[in-house]
């Protein structure tokens, strides 16, 4: 099934996009904790910047004292002072 057909089915049937299409989901707890789901890989890891490859592009997190507290094949928790989240489409 093509991506456009799946997207139309998601909208019509009110299904969760992250489950069906593998969309990236970002949850924030204040300005110091971020959980990202459905990422593919870590492209850059510095104390001021973390860049991740997602299904539909890249996610850049900027701030200070950034650390990856945990990660697995499905989700990642970033802690530190998060100042900016930028999406870079493919």
C-alpha atoms as a PDB file:
ATOM      1  CA  UNK A   1       0.000   0.000   0.000  1.00  0.00           C
ATOM      2  CA  UNK A   2       1.457   3.376  -1.009  1.00  0.00           C
ATOM      3  CA  UNK A   3       2.197   6.124   1.458  1.00  0.00           C
ATOM      4  CA  UNK A   4      -0.540   8.387   0.070  1.00  0.00           C
ATOM      5  CA  UNK A   5      -3.135   5.645   0.385  1.00  0.00           C
ATOM      6  CA  UNK A   6      -2.031   4.889   3.960  1.00  0.00           C
ATOM      7  CA  UNK A   7      -2.145   8.610   4.808  1.00  0.00           C
ATOM      8  CA  UNK A   8      -5.680   8.880   3.403  1.00  0.00           C
ATOM      9  CA  UNK A   9      -6.735   5.804   5.396  1.00  0.00           C
ATOM     10  CA  UNK A  10      -5.241   7.291   8.568  1.00  0.00           C
ATOM     11  CA  UNK A  11      -7.200  10.516   8.092  1.00  0.00           C
ATOM     12  CA  UNK A  12     -10.450   8.796   7.145  1.00  0.00           C
ATOM     13  CA  UNK A  13     -10.362   6.155   9.870  1.00  0.00           C
ATOM     14  CA  UNK A  14      -8.875   8.474  12.523  1.00  0.00           C
ATOM     15  CA  UNK A  15      -5.934   6.125  13.148  1.00  0.00           C
ATOM     16  CA  UNK A  16      -2.794   7.290  14.986  1.00  0.00           C
ATOM     17  CA  UNK A  17      -0.287   8.615  12.419  1.00  0.00           C
ATOM     18  CA  UNK A  18       2.746   7.619  14.463  1.00  0.00           C
ATOM     19  CA  UNK A  19       1.705   3.961  14.546  1.00  0.00           C
ATOM     20  CA  UNK A  20       0.533   3.560  10.953  1.00  0.00           C
ATOM     21  CA  UNK A  21       2.959   5.884   9.153  1.00  0.00           C
ATOM     22  CA  UNK A  22       5.903   5.764  11.554  1.00  0.00           C
ATOM     23  CA  UNK A  23       5.776   9.539  12.086  1.00  0.00           C
ATOM     24  CA  UNK A  24       8.195  11.051  14.554  1.00  0.00           C
ATOM     25  CA  UNK A  25       6.602  11.932  17.906  1.00  0.00           C
ATOM     26  CA  UNK A  26       8.204  14.484  20.243  1.00  0.00           C
ATOM     27  CA  UNK A  27       7.068  14.961  23.843  1.00  0.00           C
ATOM     28  CA  UNK A  28       8.370  17.779  26.033  1.00  0.00           C
ATOM     29  CA  UNK A  29       8.475  18.071  29.802  1.00  0.00           C
ATOM     30  CA  UNK A  30       9.125  21.738  30.403  1.00  0.00           C
ATOM     31  CA  UNK A  31      12.260  23.005  28.688  1.00  0.00           C
ATOM     32  CA  UNK A  32      14.621  20.381  29.999  1.00  0.00           C
ATOM     33  CA  UNK A  33      13.318  16.936  28.974  1.00  0.00           C
ATOM     34  CA  UNK A  34      12.442  15.712  25.492  1.00  0.00           C
ATOM     35  CA  UNK A  35      11.379  12.218  24.429  1.00  0.00           C
ATOM     36  CA  UNK A  36      11.474  11.435  20.719  1.00  0.00           C
ATOM     37  CA  UNK A  37       9.922   8.323  19.218  1.00  0.00           C
ATOM     38  CA  UNK A  38      10.363   6.777  15.773  1.00  0.00           C
ATOM     39  CA  UNK A  39      13.792   8.181  14.973  1.00  0.00           C
ATOM     40  CA  UNK A  40      16.248   6.276  12.795  1.00  0.00           C
ATOM     41  CA  UNK A  41      19.747   7.255  13.925  1.00  0.00           C
ATOM     42  CA  UNK A  42      21.935   9.810  15.691  1.00  0.00           C
ATOM     43  CA  UNK A  43      23.784  12.019  13.204  1.00  0.00           C
ATOM     44  CA  UNK A  44      25.453  14.478  15.608  1.00  0.00           C
ATOM     45  CA  UNK A  45      25.915  14.436  19.368  1.00  0.00           C
ATOM     46  CA  UNK A  46      27.459  17.477  21.077  1.00  0.00           C
ATOM     47  CA  UNK A  47      26.622  19.195  24.375  1.00  0.00           C
ATOM     48  CA  UNK A  48      25.002  22.077  22.450  1.00  0.00           C
ATOM     49  CA  UNK A  49      23.456  20.208  19.507  1.00  0.00           C
ATOM     50  CA  UNK A  50      21.954  16.814  18.799  1.00  0.00           C
ATOM     51  CA  UNK A  51      20.856  15.954  15.263  1.00  0.00           C
ATOM     52  CA  UNK A  52      18.731  12.898  14.534  1.00  0.00           C
ATOM     53  CA  UNK A  53      17.624  11.246  11.333  1.00  0.00           C
ATOM     54  CA  UNK A  54      13.867  10.696  11.284  1.00  0.00           C
ATOM     55  CA  UNK A  55      11.656   9.037   8.700  1.00  0.00           C
ATOM     56  CA  UNK A  56      10.758  12.281   6.894  1.00  0.00           C
ATOM     57  CA  UNK A  57      13.825  14.383   7.540  1.00  0.00           C
ATOM     58  CA  UNK A  58      16.134  15.457  10.322  1.00  0.00           C
ATOM     59  CA  UNK A  59      15.480  16.838  13.786  1.00  0.00           C
ATOM     60  CA  UNK A  60      17.988  19.290  15.257  1.00  0.00           C
ATOM     61  CA  UNK A  61      17.867  19.997  18.995  1.00  0.00           C
ATOM     62  CA  UNK A  62      19.894  22.964  20.259  1.00  0.00           C
ATOM     63  CA  UNK A  63      20.556  24.070  23.805  1.00  0.00           C
ATOM     64  CA  UNK A  64      23.164  23.672  26.526  1.00  0.00           C
ATOM     65  CA  UNK A  65      24.258  20.706  28.576  1.00  0.00           C
ATOM     66  CA  UNK A  66      22.359  18.343  26.292  1.00  0.00           C
ATOM     67  CA  UNK A  67      22.707  14.651  27.085  1.00  0.00           C
ATOM     68  CA  UNK A  68      21.066  11.521  25.795  1.00  0.00           C
ATOM     69  CA  UNK A  69      19.810   9.887  28.973  1.00  0.00           C
ATOM     70  CA  UNK A  70      18.706   6.717  27.198  1.00  0.00           C
ATOM     71  CA  UNK A  71      17.920   5.430  23.743  1.00  0.00           C
ATOM     72  CA  UNK A  72      16.769   2.227  22.093  1.00  0.00           C
ATOM     73  CA  UNK A  73      15.515   1.319  18.631  1.00  0.00           C
ATOM     74  CA  UNK A  74      12.206   3.147  19.181  1.00  0.00           C
ATOM     75  CA  UNK A  75      12.724   6.106  21.506  1.00  0.00           C
ATOM     76  CA  UNK A  76      15.257   8.455  23.050  1.00  0.00           C
ATOM     77  CA  UNK A  77      15.261  10.785  26.053  1.00  0.00           C
ATOM     78  CA  UNK A  78      17.280  14.011  25.819  1.00  0.00           C
ATOM     79  CA  UNK A  79      17.886  16.126  28.916  1.00  0.00           C
ATOM     80  CA  UNK A  80      19.477  19.543  29.340  1.00  0.00           C
ATOM     81  CA  UNK A  81      18.414  23.094  28.586  1.00  0.00           C
ATOM     82  CA  UNK A  82      16.508  22.783  25.307  1.00  0.00           C
ATOM     83  CA  UNK A  83      16.255  26.092  23.477  1.00  0.00           C
ATOM     84  CA  UNK A  84      15.316  25.113  19.943  1.00  0.00           C
ATOM     85  CA  UNK A  85      13.913  22.184  17.974  1.00  0.00           C
ATOM     86  CA  UNK A  86      14.206  22.408  14.194  1.00  0.00           C
ATOM     87  CA  UNK A  87      12.758  20.077  11.570  1.00  0.00           C
ATOM     88  CA  UNK A  88      14.718  19.760   8.339  1.00  0.00           C
ATOM     89  CA  UNK A  89      12.729  18.012   5.623  1.00  0.00           C
ATOM     90  CA  UNK A  90      14.266  15.682   3.088  1.00  0.00           C
END
